[in-house]
N, C-alpha and C. Protein backbone atom coordinates (compact mmCIF):
# COMPACT_ATOMS: atom_id res chain seq x y z
N MET A 1 -1.24 13.27 -14.98
CA MET A 1 -0.75 14.10 -15.39
C MET A 1 -0.86 15.70 -14.38
N ALA A 2 -1.62 15.72 -13.45
CA ALA A 2 -2.18 17.19 -12.89
C ALA A 2 -0.72 16.85 -11.79
N ARG A 3 -0.45 15.61 -11.22
CA ARG A 3 1.00 15.71 -10.32
C ARG A 3 1.97 16.14 -10.73
N SER A 4 2.45 15.88 -12.33
CA SER A 4 3.26 15.95 -12.46
C SER A 4 3.23 17.55 -12.76
N ILE A 5 2.02 18.42 -13.01
CA ILE A 5 2.28 19.85 -13.55
C ILE A 5 2.13 20.40 -11.82
N LEU A 6 1.90 19.87 -10.59
CA LEU A 6 1.89 20.73 -10.02
C LEU A 6 3.78 20.29 -9.37
N ALA A 7 4.15 19.52 -9.27
CA ALA A 7 5.81 18.85 -9.14
C ALA A 7 6.50 19.87 -10.01
N SER A 8 6.11 20.84 -10.99
CA SER A 8 6.63 21.23 -11.98
C SER A 8 7.04 22.87 -11.85
N PRO A 9 8.24 23.18 -11.68
CA PRO A 9 8.64 24.78 -11.38
C PRO A 9 8.08 25.33 -12.58
N PHE A 10 7.06 25.46 -13.23
CA PHE A 10 6.26 26.14 -13.79
C PHE A 10 4.71 26.08 -13.85
N ARG A 11 4.33 25.15 -12.97
CA ARG A 11 3.20 25.29 -12.30
C ARG A 11 2.37 26.34 -11.98
N TRP A 12 2.81 27.65 -12.00
CA TRP A 12 2.43 28.95 -12.16
C TRP A 12 1.84 29.57 -13.23
N SER A 13 2.27 28.72 -14.53
CA SER A 13 2.78 29.33 -15.73
C SER A 13 1.67 29.42 -16.05
N SER A 14 0.72 30.24 -16.38
CA SER A 14 -0.84 30.50 -17.17
C SER A 14 -0.95 29.41 -18.74
N THR A 15 0.03 29.80 -19.69
CA THR A 15 0.06 28.75 -20.58
C THR A 15 0.28 27.43 -20.12
N LEU A 16 0.79 26.82 -19.17
CA LEU A 16 1.20 25.19 -18.80
C LEU A 16 -0.47 25.02 -18.18
N ASN A 17 -1.05 25.70 -17.84
CA ASN A 17 -2.39 25.46 -17.09
C ASN A 17 -3.35 25.46 -17.79
N LEU A 18 -3.42 26.41 -18.77
CA LEU A 18 -4.45 26.52 -19.79
C LEU A 18 -4.00 24.70 -20.89
N ILE A 19 -2.55 24.38 -20.70
CA ILE A 19 -2.57 23.47 -21.68
C ILE A 19 -2.92 21.90 -21.16
N TRP A 20 -2.72 21.73 -19.63
CA TRP A 20 -3.24 20.95 -18.92
C TRP A 20 -4.72 20.99 -18.69
N HIS A 21 -5.71 22.48 -18.60
CA HIS A 21 -7.00 22.45 -18.96
C HIS A 21 -7.46 21.53 -20.11
N PHE A 22 -6.94 21.69 -21.13
CA PHE A 22 -7.33 21.52 -22.31
C PHE A 22 -7.55 19.93 -22.27
N ARG A 23 -5.89 19.19 -22.17
CA ARG A 23 -5.85 17.97 -22.14
C ARG A 23 -6.61 16.94 -20.94
N ASP A 24 -6.99 17.87 -20.11
CA ASP A 24 -7.78 17.34 -18.96
C ASP A 24 -9.47 17.17 -19.36
N GLN A 25 -9.66 18.40 -19.95
CA GLN A 25 -11.04 17.94 -20.41
C GLN A 25 -11.39 17.01 -21.44
N SER A 26 -10.21 17.06 -22.47
CA SER A 26 -10.43 16.08 -23.49
C SER A 26 -10.33 14.59 -23.02
N ALA A 27 -9.74 14.36 -21.88
CA ALA A 27 -9.85 12.95 -21.23
C ALA A 27 -10.99 12.77 -20.91
N ILE A 28 -11.66 13.75 -19.97
CA ILE A 28 -13.28 13.44 -19.36
C ILE A 28 -14.13 13.08 -20.45
N GLY A 29 -13.78 14.05 -21.68
CA GLY A 29 -14.76 13.54 -22.94
C GLY A 29 -14.27 12.06 -23.05
N GLU A 30 -13.45 11.81 -23.40
CA GLU A 30 -12.65 10.10 -23.75
C GLU A 30 -13.59 9.04 -22.71
N LEU A 31 -13.48 9.38 -21.43
CA LEU A 31 -14.11 8.65 -20.59
C LEU A 31 -15.72 8.49 -20.61
N THR A 32 -16.08 9.88 -20.97
CA THR A 32 -17.99 9.92 -20.93
C THR A 32 -18.25 9.17 -22.28
N ASP A 33 -17.23 8.90 -23.55
CA ASP A 33 -17.75 8.36 -24.29
C ASP A 33 -17.51 7.18 -23.99
N LEU A 34 -16.59 6.95 -23.61
CA LEU A 34 -16.25 4.99 -23.15
C LEU A 34 -17.47 4.68 -22.72
N GLY A 35 -17.78 5.42 -21.34
CA GLY A 35 -18.87 5.08 -20.56
C GLY A 35 -20.24 5.06 -21.34
N VAL A 36 -20.32 6.17 -22.45
CA VAL A 36 -21.49 5.48 -22.94
C VAL A 36 -21.57 4.41 -23.96
N ILE A 37 -20.53 4.30 -24.26
CA ILE A 37 -20.40 2.57 -25.15
C ILE A 37 -20.90 2.03 -24.43
N VAL A 38 -20.34 1.53 -23.47
CA VAL A 38 -20.45 0.48 -22.54
C VAL A 38 -21.85 0.34 -21.95
N SER A 39 -22.55 1.35 -21.55
CA SER A 39 -23.90 1.13 -20.93
C SER A 39 -24.96 1.36 -21.99
N SER A 40 -24.33 1.54 -23.32
CA SER A 40 -25.62 1.11 -24.52
C SER A 40 -25.42 0.19 -24.80
N SER A 41 -24.09 -0.92 -24.52
CA SER A 41 -24.02 -2.13 -25.47
C SER A 41 -24.92 -3.17 -24.60
N LYS A 42 -25.57 -4.08 -25.76
CA LYS A 42 -26.69 -5.09 -24.71
C LYS A 42 -26.04 -6.07 -23.36
N ARG A 43 -26.54 -6.06 -22.44
CA ARG A 43 -26.35 -6.37 -21.07
C ARG A 43 -25.66 -7.67 -21.45
N TYR A 44 -25.77 -8.78 -22.35
CA TYR A 44 -25.08 -9.56 -22.07
C TYR A 44 -24.47 -9.57 -23.85
N SER A 45 -23.85 -8.58 -24.36
CA SER A 45 -23.01 -8.53 -25.51
C SER A 45 -21.73 -8.96 -25.24
N PHE A 46 -21.18 -9.41 -26.50
CA PHE A 46 -19.81 -9.84 -26.17
C PHE A 46 -19.06 -9.17 -25.85
N THR A 47 -18.93 -8.06 -25.99
CA THR A 47 -18.27 -6.56 -24.95
C THR A 47 -18.59 -7.15 -23.69
N THR A 48 -19.11 -7.17 -23.16
CA THR A 48 -19.11 -7.38 -21.76
C THR A 48 -18.94 -8.92 -21.09
N HIS A 49 -19.75 -9.80 -22.00
CA HIS A 49 -19.69 -10.81 -21.50
C HIS A 49 -18.97 -12.40 -22.23
N GLY A 50 -18.55 -11.94 -23.29
CA GLY A 50 -17.57 -12.86 -23.98
C GLY A 50 -18.20 -13.64 -25.11
N PRO A 51 -18.05 -14.72 -25.76
CA PRO A 51 -18.87 -15.51 -26.61
C PRO A 51 -19.86 -16.02 -25.78
N THR A 52 -20.68 -16.15 -26.82
CA THR A 52 -22.14 -16.65 -26.33
C THR A 52 -22.42 -18.54 -26.41
N ASN A 53 -22.20 -19.17 -25.51
CA ASN A 53 -22.56 -20.73 -25.67
C ASN A 53 -23.57 -21.01 -25.12
N ARG A 54 -24.52 -21.87 -26.09
CA ARG A 54 -25.76 -22.03 -25.52
C ARG A 54 -25.42 -23.57 -24.94
N PHE A 55 -25.90 -24.09 -24.30
CA PHE A 55 -26.24 -26.07 -23.96
C PHE A 55 -27.67 -26.28 -24.13
N SER A 56 -27.63 -27.40 -24.17
CA SER A 56 -28.99 -27.79 -23.51
C SER A 56 -28.74 -28.45 -22.35
N GLY A 57 -29.64 -29.22 -21.62
CA GLY A 57 -29.04 -29.80 -19.92
C GLY A 57 -27.82 -30.83 -19.90
N ASP A 58 -28.19 -31.66 -21.19
CA ASP A 58 -27.50 -32.83 -21.08
C ASP A 58 -25.69 -32.52 -21.63
N GLU A 59 -25.72 -30.94 -22.33
CA GLU A 59 -24.70 -31.11 -22.76
C GLU A 59 -23.91 -29.98 -21.73
N LEU A 60 -24.20 -28.91 -20.98
CA LEU A 60 -23.69 -28.16 -20.19
C LEU A 60 -22.68 -28.88 -18.88
N GLU A 61 -22.89 -30.08 -18.25
CA GLU A 61 -21.93 -30.18 -17.09
C GLU A 61 -20.52 -31.32 -18.21
N PRO A 62 -21.18 -31.81 -19.10
CA PRO A 62 -19.77 -32.25 -19.61
C PRO A 62 -18.63 -30.97 -20.19
N GLU A 63 -19.26 -29.97 -20.71
CA GLU A 63 -18.42 -28.75 -21.07
C GLU A 63 -17.86 -27.96 -19.68
N VAL A 64 -18.75 -27.91 -19.13
CA VAL A 64 -18.00 -27.49 -17.98
C VAL A 64 -16.79 -28.07 -17.25
N ALA A 65 -17.16 -30.04 -17.19
CA ALA A 65 -16.15 -30.77 -16.40
C ALA A 65 -15.03 -30.22 -17.42
N ALA A 66 -15.09 -30.51 -19.06
CA ALA A 66 -13.92 -30.48 -19.74
C ALA A 66 -12.78 -29.11 -19.96
N MET A 67 -13.79 -28.10 -19.48
CA MET A 67 -13.62 -26.97 -19.60
C MET A 67 -12.57 -26.75 -17.83
N TRP A 68 -12.84 -27.13 -17.15
CA TRP A 68 -12.24 -27.39 -15.76
C TRP A 68 -10.51 -28.39 -15.51
N GLN A 69 -10.46 -29.26 -16.49
CA GLN A 69 -9.57 -30.24 -16.96
C GLN A 69 -8.84 -29.31 -17.58
N ARG A 70 -9.13 -28.35 -18.94
CA ARG A 70 -8.17 -27.88 -19.67
C ARG A 70 -7.50 -26.71 -18.91
N CYS A 71 -8.37 -26.18 -17.96
CA CYS A 71 -7.33 -25.11 -17.46
C CYS A 71 -6.52 -25.76 -16.17
N SER A 72 -6.82 -26.89 -15.68
CA SER A 72 -5.83 -27.48 -14.77
C SER A 72 -4.37 -27.63 -15.94
N ARG A 73 -5.09 -28.17 -17.31
CA ARG A 73 -3.73 -28.87 -18.15
C ARG A 73 -2.86 -27.75 -18.20
N GLN A 74 -3.49 -26.31 -18.59
CA GLN A 74 -2.63 -25.20 -18.49
C GLN A 74 -2.29 -24.52 -17.43
N MET A 75 -2.66 -24.54 -16.46
CA MET A 75 -1.95 -23.84 -15.22
C MET A 75 -0.88 -24.97 -15.10
N HIS A 76 -1.27 -26.15 -15.20
CA HIS A 76 0.27 -27.07 -15.07
C HIS A 76 1.27 -26.88 -16.15
N ASN A 77 0.78 -26.75 -17.80
CA ASN A 77 2.09 -26.30 -18.12
C ASN A 77 2.65 -25.03 -17.90
N LEU A 78 2.23 -23.97 -17.19
CA LEU A 78 2.65 -22.75 -17.33
C LEU A 78 3.26 -22.71 -15.99
N CYS A 79 2.90 -23.56 -15.12
CA CYS A 79 4.08 -23.80 -13.67
C CYS A 79 5.46 -24.35 -13.90
N LYS A 80 5.02 -25.21 -15.21
CA LYS A 80 6.36 -26.51 -15.37
C LYS A 80 7.03 -25.11 -16.36
N ALA A 81 6.62 -24.69 -16.91
CA ALA A 81 7.82 -23.40 -17.88
C ALA A 81 8.41 -22.78 -16.94
N ASN A 82 8.00 -22.66 -16.03
CA ASN A 82 8.45 -21.13 -15.13
C ASN A 82 9.31 -21.99 -14.07
N GLY A 83 9.21 -23.82 -13.82
CA GLY A 83 10.14 -24.30 -12.92
C GLY A 83 9.07 -24.40 -11.63
N THR A 84 7.88 -24.06 -11.65
CA THR A 84 6.82 -24.07 -10.38
C THR A 84 6.19 -25.14 -10.23
N LEU A 85 6.31 -25.87 -9.15
CA LEU A 85 5.32 -26.90 -8.88
C LEU A 85 3.93 -26.81 -8.59
N TYR A 86 3.09 -27.25 -9.26
CA TYR A 86 1.88 -27.39 -9.54
C TYR A 86 1.23 -28.53 -8.60
N LEU A 87 -0.04 -28.11 -8.03
CA LEU A 87 -0.80 -29.29 -7.66
C LEU A 87 -2.24 -29.02 -7.11
N HIS A 88 -3.09 -29.55 -8.08
CA HIS A 88 -4.26 -29.32 -7.77
C HIS A 88 -5.42 -30.22 -7.59
N VAL A 89 -5.66 -29.76 -6.43
CA VAL A 89 -6.42 -30.30 -5.47
C VAL A 89 -8.06 -29.87 -5.58
N LEU A 90 -8.48 -31.02 -5.43
CA LEU A 90 -9.91 -30.97 -5.43
C LEU A 90 -10.51 -31.06 -3.97
N GLN A 91 -11.10 -30.20 -3.69
CA GLN A 91 -11.53 -30.01 -2.08
C GLN A 91 -12.92 -30.59 -1.94
N PRO A 92 -13.17 -31.31 -0.73
CA PRO A 92 -14.28 -31.54 -0.13
C PRO A 92 -15.50 -31.10 -0.27
N ASN A 93 -16.30 -31.58 -0.14
CA ASN A 93 -17.81 -31.09 -0.14
C ASN A 93 -18.63 -31.73 0.52
N GLN A 94 -19.75 -31.52 1.06
CA GLN A 94 -20.25 -32.02 1.98
C GLN A 94 -21.80 -32.72 1.11
N TYR A 95 -21.86 -32.31 -0.21
CA TYR A 95 -22.91 -32.50 -0.90
C TYR A 95 -22.31 -34.23 -1.85
N VAL A 96 -20.90 -34.31 -1.49
CA VAL A 96 -20.03 -35.70 -2.02
C VAL A 96 -20.72 -37.11 -0.84
N PRO A 97 -21.27 -37.71 -1.56
CA PRO A 97 -22.10 -39.18 -0.72
C PRO A 97 -20.81 -39.75 0.00
N ASN A 98 -21.07 -39.73 1.12
CA ASN A 98 -20.10 -40.90 2.21
C ASN A 98 -18.83 -40.01 2.59
N SER A 99 -18.80 -38.74 2.48
CA SER A 99 -17.44 -37.90 2.16
C SER A 99 -17.21 -37.40 3.67
N LYS A 100 -18.40 -37.37 4.39
CA LYS A 100 -17.95 -37.12 5.93
C LYS A 100 -19.85 -37.17 6.93
N PRO A 101 -20.01 -37.85 7.67
CA PRO A 101 -20.84 -37.86 8.72
C PRO A 101 -20.92 -36.85 9.49
N ILE A 102 -22.39 -36.38 9.02
CA ILE A 102 -23.12 -35.17 9.06
C ILE A 102 -24.07 -35.01 10.30
N GLY A 103 -23.84 -34.74 11.66
CA GLY A 103 -24.95 -34.77 12.80
C GLY A 103 -26.23 -33.81 12.11
N GLU A 104 -26.98 -33.85 13.25
CA GLU A 104 -27.83 -32.88 13.12
C GLU A 104 -27.34 -31.58 13.31
N ALA A 105 -26.66 -31.34 14.41
CA ALA A 105 -26.52 -29.59 14.47
C ALA A 105 -25.35 -29.69 13.13
N GLU A 106 -24.82 -29.80 12.72
CA GLU A 106 -23.92 -29.43 11.45
C GLU A 106 -24.78 -29.33 10.36
N ARG A 107 -25.80 -30.26 9.94
CA ARG A 107 -27.05 -30.29 9.09
C ARG A 107 -27.50 -29.41 9.07
N LEU A 108 -28.09 -28.72 10.10
CA LEU A 108 -29.09 -27.63 10.12
C LEU A 108 -28.11 -26.40 9.55
N VAL A 109 -26.91 -26.34 9.77
CA VAL A 109 -26.01 -25.09 9.31
C VAL A 109 -25.63 -25.33 7.92
N CYS A 110 -25.42 -26.60 7.51
CA CYS A 110 -24.60 -26.61 6.10
C CYS A 110 -25.17 -27.69 5.08
N TYR A 111 -26.61 -28.13 5.22
CA TYR A 111 -27.03 -29.05 4.47
C TYR A 111 -28.22 -28.42 3.65
N SER A 112 -28.50 -28.13 2.81
CA SER A 112 -30.16 -27.83 1.96
C SER A 112 -29.81 -28.74 0.85
N GLU A 113 -30.90 -29.58 0.96
CA GLU A 113 -31.08 -29.72 -0.76
C GLU A 113 -31.87 -29.00 -1.74
N TYR A 114 -32.35 -27.76 -1.39
CA TYR A 114 -32.71 -26.78 -1.78
C TYR A 114 -31.90 -25.37 -2.42
N GLU A 115 -30.29 -25.56 -1.55
CA GLU A 115 -29.72 -24.46 -2.00
C GLU A 115 -29.24 -24.69 -3.34
N GLY A 116 -29.26 -25.50 -4.42
CA GLY A 116 -28.98 -25.34 -5.50
C GLY A 116 -28.28 -26.38 -5.77
N SER A 117 -26.81 -26.20 -5.49
CA SER A 117 -25.62 -27.03 -5.86
C SER A 117 -25.56 -28.28 -5.75
N ALA A 118 -26.32 -28.85 -4.53
CA ALA A 118 -26.29 -30.25 -4.10
C ALA A 118 -26.33 -30.92 -5.20
N PRO A 119 -27.21 -31.27 -6.42
CA PRO A 119 -27.46 -32.38 -7.37
C PRO A 119 -26.73 -31.94 -8.28
N PHE A 120 -26.09 -30.54 -8.35
CA PHE A 120 -24.75 -30.33 -9.22
C PHE A 120 -23.76 -31.12 -8.85
N VAL A 121 -23.27 -30.89 -7.43
CA VAL A 121 -22.37 -31.95 -7.15
C VAL A 121 -22.35 -33.09 -7.14
N ARG A 122 -23.37 -33.85 -6.83
CA ARG A 122 -23.50 -35.21 -6.56
C ARG A 122 -23.48 -35.78 -8.44
N SER A 123 -23.68 -34.92 -9.47
CA SER A 123 -23.65 -35.25 -10.62
C SER A 123 -22.07 -35.43 -11.21
N MET A 124 -21.98 -33.83 -11.04
CA MET A 124 -20.73 -33.33 -11.38
C MET A 124 -18.84 -33.94 -11.03
N PHE A 125 -18.90 -34.43 -9.15
CA PHE A 125 -17.78 -34.69 -9.03
C PHE A 125 -17.35 -36.04 -9.18
N PRO A 126 -18.23 -36.88 -8.99
CA PRO A 126 -17.39 -38.18 -9.98
C PRO A 126 -16.88 -37.79 -11.55
N ARG A 127 -17.40 -37.17 -12.13
CA ARG A 127 -16.74 -36.61 -13.27
C ARG A 127 -15.41 -36.12 -13.36
N LEU A 128 -15.24 -35.14 -12.15
CA LEU A 128 -14.11 -34.23 -11.90
C LEU A 128 -13.31 -35.28 -11.54
N GLN A 129 -13.40 -36.38 -10.65
CA GLN A 129 -12.66 -37.10 -10.20
C GLN A 129 -11.77 -38.16 -11.22
N GLU A 130 -12.72 -38.71 -12.29
CA GLU A 130 -12.63 -39.38 -12.88
C GLU A 130 -11.43 -38.66 -14.13
N LEU A 131 -11.39 -36.95 -14.42
CA LEU A 131 -10.65 -36.32 -14.95
C LEU A 131 -9.50 -35.92 -14.63
N GLY A 132 -10.03 -35.92 -13.08
CA GLY A 132 -8.91 -35.71 -12.36
C GLY A 132 -7.77 -37.00 -12.62
N LEU A 133 -8.17 -38.18 -12.90
CA LEU A 133 -7.01 -39.10 -12.94
C LEU A 133 -6.23 -39.34 -14.11
N GLU A 134 -7.20 -38.96 -15.35
CA GLU A 134 -6.74 -38.73 -16.70
C GLU A 134 -5.55 -37.55 -16.75
N LEU A 135 -5.77 -36.18 -15.78
CA LEU A 135 -4.76 -35.30 -15.78
C LEU A 135 -3.20 -36.16 -14.76
N GLN A 136 -3.29 -36.68 -13.89
CA GLN A 136 -2.38 -37.66 -13.45
C GLN A 136 -1.64 -38.42 -14.21
N ALA A 137 -2.45 -39.17 -15.15
CA ALA A 137 -2.04 -39.95 -15.97
C ALA A 137 -1.32 -39.16 -17.44
N GLU A 138 -1.66 -37.84 -17.21
CA GLU A 138 -0.85 -36.80 -18.43
C GLU A 138 0.41 -36.18 -17.83
N GLY A 139 0.75 -36.54 -16.23
CA GLY A 139 1.77 -35.79 -15.98
C GLY A 139 1.60 -34.56 -14.70
N VAL A 140 0.08 -34.39 -14.79
CA VAL A 140 -0.52 -33.23 -13.86
C VAL A 140 -0.33 -34.27 -12.08
N GLU A 141 0.15 -33.45 -11.43
CA GLU A 141 0.20 -33.38 -9.56
C GLU A 141 -1.29 -33.40 -9.67
N PHE A 142 -2.29 -34.33 -9.37
CA PHE A 142 -3.60 -34.13 -8.68
C PHE A 142 -3.93 -34.56 -6.89
N SER A 143 -4.55 -34.30 -6.34
CA SER A 143 -5.21 -34.64 -5.40
C SER A 143 -6.21 -34.68 -4.96
N ASP A 144 -6.91 -35.98 -5.01
CA ASP A 144 -8.76 -35.59 -4.67
C ASP A 144 -8.52 -35.65 -2.98
N GLN A 145 -9.03 -34.65 -2.70
CA GLN A 145 -9.33 -34.72 -1.07
C GLN A 145 -10.61 -34.61 -0.58
N THR A 146 -11.56 -35.22 -1.62
CA THR A 146 -12.97 -35.03 -1.20
C THR A 146 -13.49 -36.09 -0.07
N MET A 147 -12.38 -37.16 0.09
CA MET A 147 -13.01 -37.60 1.34
C MET A 147 -12.01 -37.54 2.53
N VAL A 148 -11.12 -36.36 2.30
CA VAL A 148 -10.49 -36.18 3.85
C VAL A 148 -11.32 -35.91 5.24
N PHE A 149 -12.95 -35.77 5.17
CA PHE A 149 -13.51 -35.77 6.20
C PHE A 149 -13.87 -36.91 6.32
N ALA A 150 -13.88 -38.08 5.55
CA ALA A 150 -14.56 -38.91 5.91
C ALA A 150 -15.09 -39.71 7.19
N THR A 151 -14.22 -39.47 7.93
CA THR A 151 -14.01 -40.24 9.60
C THR A 151 -14.21 -39.45 10.57
N VAL A 152 -14.26 -38.11 10.59
CA VAL A 152 -14.54 -36.58 11.18
C VAL A 152 -16.02 -36.67 11.63
N GLU A 153 -16.62 -36.84 12.60
CA GLU A 153 -17.41 -36.91 13.34
C GLU A 153 -18.04 -35.46 13.66
N LYS A 154 -17.17 -34.88 14.14
CA LYS A 154 -16.97 -33.08 14.52
C LYS A 154 -17.72 -32.48 13.66
N PRO A 155 -18.46 -31.43 13.86
CA PRO A 155 -18.44 -30.46 12.79
C PRO A 155 -17.48 -29.60 12.29
N LEU A 156 -17.95 -29.15 10.96
CA LEU A 156 -16.58 -29.12 10.10
C LEU A 156 -16.86 -27.80 9.13
N TYR A 157 -17.95 -28.30 8.66
CA TYR A 157 -18.84 -26.99 7.65
C TYR A 157 -19.47 -25.75 8.22
N VAL A 158 -19.74 -24.79 7.60
CA VAL A 158 -20.21 -24.05 8.25
C VAL A 158 -21.27 -22.77 7.54
N ASP A 159 -21.03 -23.77 6.30
CA ASP A 159 -22.53 -23.26 5.35
C ASP A 159 -23.15 -24.06 4.56
N CYS A 160 -23.57 -23.61 3.69
CA CYS A 160 -24.37 -24.99 2.40
C CYS A 160 -23.46 -24.44 1.46
N TRP A 161 -22.03 -23.81 1.43
CA TRP A 161 -21.47 -23.90 0.23
C TRP A 161 -19.96 -24.69 0.47
N CYS A 162 -20.39 -25.48 1.19
CA CYS A 162 -18.79 -25.94 1.20
C CYS A 162 -17.64 -25.28 1.89
N HIS A 163 -17.81 -24.37 2.78
CA HIS A 163 -16.94 -23.58 3.42
C HIS A 163 -16.32 -24.11 4.64
N PHE A 164 -15.43 -24.65 5.42
CA PHE A 164 -15.00 -25.05 6.72
C PHE A 164 -14.82 -23.66 7.81
N ASN A 165 -14.57 -24.56 8.75
CA ASN A 165 -14.40 -23.43 9.72
C ASN A 165 -12.61 -24.12 10.12
N ALA A 166 -12.24 -23.69 11.52
CA ALA A 166 -10.25 -23.16 11.55
C ALA A 166 -10.17 -24.94 11.25
N GLU A 167 -11.15 -25.74 12.24
CA GLU A 167 -10.37 -27.12 12.26
C GLU A 167 -10.77 -27.81 10.64
N GLY A 168 -11.52 -27.64 9.88
CA GLY A 168 -11.57 -28.18 8.66
C GLY A 168 -10.37 -27.51 7.65
N HIS A 169 -10.17 -26.47 7.89
CA HIS A 169 -8.83 -25.55 6.89
C HIS A 169 -7.77 -26.68 7.55
N ARG A 170 -7.48 -26.94 8.95
CA ARG A 170 -6.19 -27.67 9.68
C ARG A 170 -6.14 -28.44 8.89
N LEU A 171 -7.39 -29.57 8.77
CA LEU A 171 -7.30 -30.95 8.10
C LEU A 171 -6.81 -31.04 6.94
N LEU A 172 -7.48 -30.10 6.09
CA LEU A 172 -7.29 -30.22 4.99
C LEU A 172 -5.88 -29.48 4.25
N GLY A 173 -5.42 -28.28 5.44
CA GLY A 173 -4.35 -28.19 4.86
C GLY A 173 -2.65 -29.15 5.44
N GLU A 174 -3.29 -29.52 6.48
CA GLU A 174 -2.07 -30.68 6.42
C GLU A 174 -2.48 -31.98 5.12
N ALA A 175 -3.47 -32.54 4.89
CA ALA A 175 -3.65 -33.44 4.18
C ALA A 175 -2.72 -32.72 2.77
N VAL A 176 -2.86 -31.61 2.34
CA VAL A 176 -2.22 -31.23 1.03
C VAL A 176 -1.07 -30.97 1.34
N ALA A 177 -0.69 -30.88 2.60
CA ALA A 177 1.00 -30.17 2.82
C ALA A 177 1.79 -31.49 2.65
N ASP A 178 1.18 -32.73 3.28
CA ASP A 178 1.48 -34.09 3.02
C ASP A 178 2.17 -34.23 1.59
N ARG A 179 0.96 -33.85 1.15
CA ARG A 179 1.18 -34.44 -0.39
C ARG A 179 1.99 -33.32 -1.52
N LEU A 180 2.40 -32.36 -1.02
CA LEU A 180 3.57 -31.27 -1.28
C LEU A 180 4.88 -31.50 -1.27
N LEU A 181 4.66 -32.46 -0.13
CA LEU A 181 6.09 -32.52 0.96
C LEU A 181 6.57 -34.13 0.09
N GLN A 182 5.89 -34.87 -0.05
CA GLN A 182 5.82 -36.10 -1.39
C GLN A 182 6.47 -35.67 -2.38
N LEU A 183 6.30 -34.61 -3.00
CA LEU A 183 6.41 -34.05 -4.51
C LEU A 183 7.71 -33.39 -4.35
N LEU A 184 7.82 -32.75 -3.43
CA LEU A 184 8.76 -32.04 -3.20
C LEU A 184 10.29 -32.54 -2.98
N ASP A 185 9.81 -33.92 -2.24
CA ASP A 185 10.86 -35.03 -2.46
C ASP A 185 11.65 -35.63 -3.24
N LYS A 186 10.40 -35.99 -4.34
CA LYS A 186 10.73 -36.37 -5.53
C LYS A 186 11.36 -35.40 -6.41
N GLU A 187 11.14 -34.00 -6.03
CA GLU A 187 11.71 -32.88 -6.88
C GLU A 187 11.48 -33.40 -8.61
N SER A 188 10.39 -33.33 -8.56
CA SER A 188 8.93 -33.78 -9.96
C SER A 188 9.49 -32.87 -10.77
N PHE A 189 9.86 -31.57 -10.61
CA PHE A 189 9.26 -30.11 -11.13
C PHE A 189 11.08 -29.79 -11.20
N SER A 190 10.94 -28.94 -13.03
CA SER A 190 12.22 -29.19 -13.24
C SER A 190 12.27 -27.19 -12.47
N LYS A 191 13.44 -27.08 -12.60
CA LYS A 191 14.51 -25.82 -12.66
C LYS A 191 13.91 -24.72 -13.24
N PRO A 192 13.84 -23.51 -12.40
CA PRO A 192 13.30 -22.73 -13.78
C PRO A 192 14.15 -22.10 -14.85
N ARG A 193 13.75 -21.97 -16.04
CA ARG A 193 14.68 -21.97 -16.96
C ARG A 193 15.22 -20.05 -16.87
N ASP A 194 15.88 -19.66 -17.48
CA ASP A 194 16.71 -18.12 -17.77
C ASP A 194 15.51 -17.28 -17.55
N ALA A 195 15.71 -16.15 -17.31
CA ALA A 195 14.55 -15.22 -16.82
C ALA A 195 14.25 -15.02 -18.13
N ASP A 196 15.16 -14.74 -19.23
CA ASP A 196 14.80 -14.29 -20.88
C ASP A 196 14.13 -15.65 -21.45
N ASP A 197 13.84 -16.56 -20.52
CA ASP A 197 13.03 -18.10 -21.57
C ASP A 197 11.56 -18.02 -20.84
N GLN A 198 11.07 -17.37 -20.26
CA GLN A 198 10.73 -17.17 -19.13
C GLN A 198 8.98 -16.69 -19.72
N ILE A 199 8.46 -17.57 -19.62
CA ILE A 199 6.41 -16.86 -19.86
C ILE A 199 6.33 -15.56 -19.46
């Protein structure tokens, strides 16, 4: 609003500036009231964190995996409706057994049983791979790249959270690009619908 007032030929008008002042003060008051509402709400309330789902230890992992699968299915549907190719890639992770030979130097940088995700990855990735195959059977393009580094002895991981160096990015990028080219050759995705029909 201030910009439009300054750009107006009536910017020097006392009446117009008084109107702007009152509207500006009203907006500040509304923002203050909203700030009070947010800060006074419970830390983990529905307003700030959405629905609260509580799971026992055995229930959490299946629900996380099912949500992962549902999200992939929805992204596939969204892309298909708009004529866009969708490829879901499960990336490599150093905690997946036998997914990469890890030497001593790389192990010091990228491998820690105490970091927290190692046991989660070991139990979850087989489940994700299985659900990925289910997605594939439904027509969702899924590419399991967890073993793309299986024969690479040189260091690729740069930390304990499955991030790679430039060579790792290159290797994974080439593998994904090969899969994308195969899909483009198949022309397995539909052309975009008319703009009026798009989501």
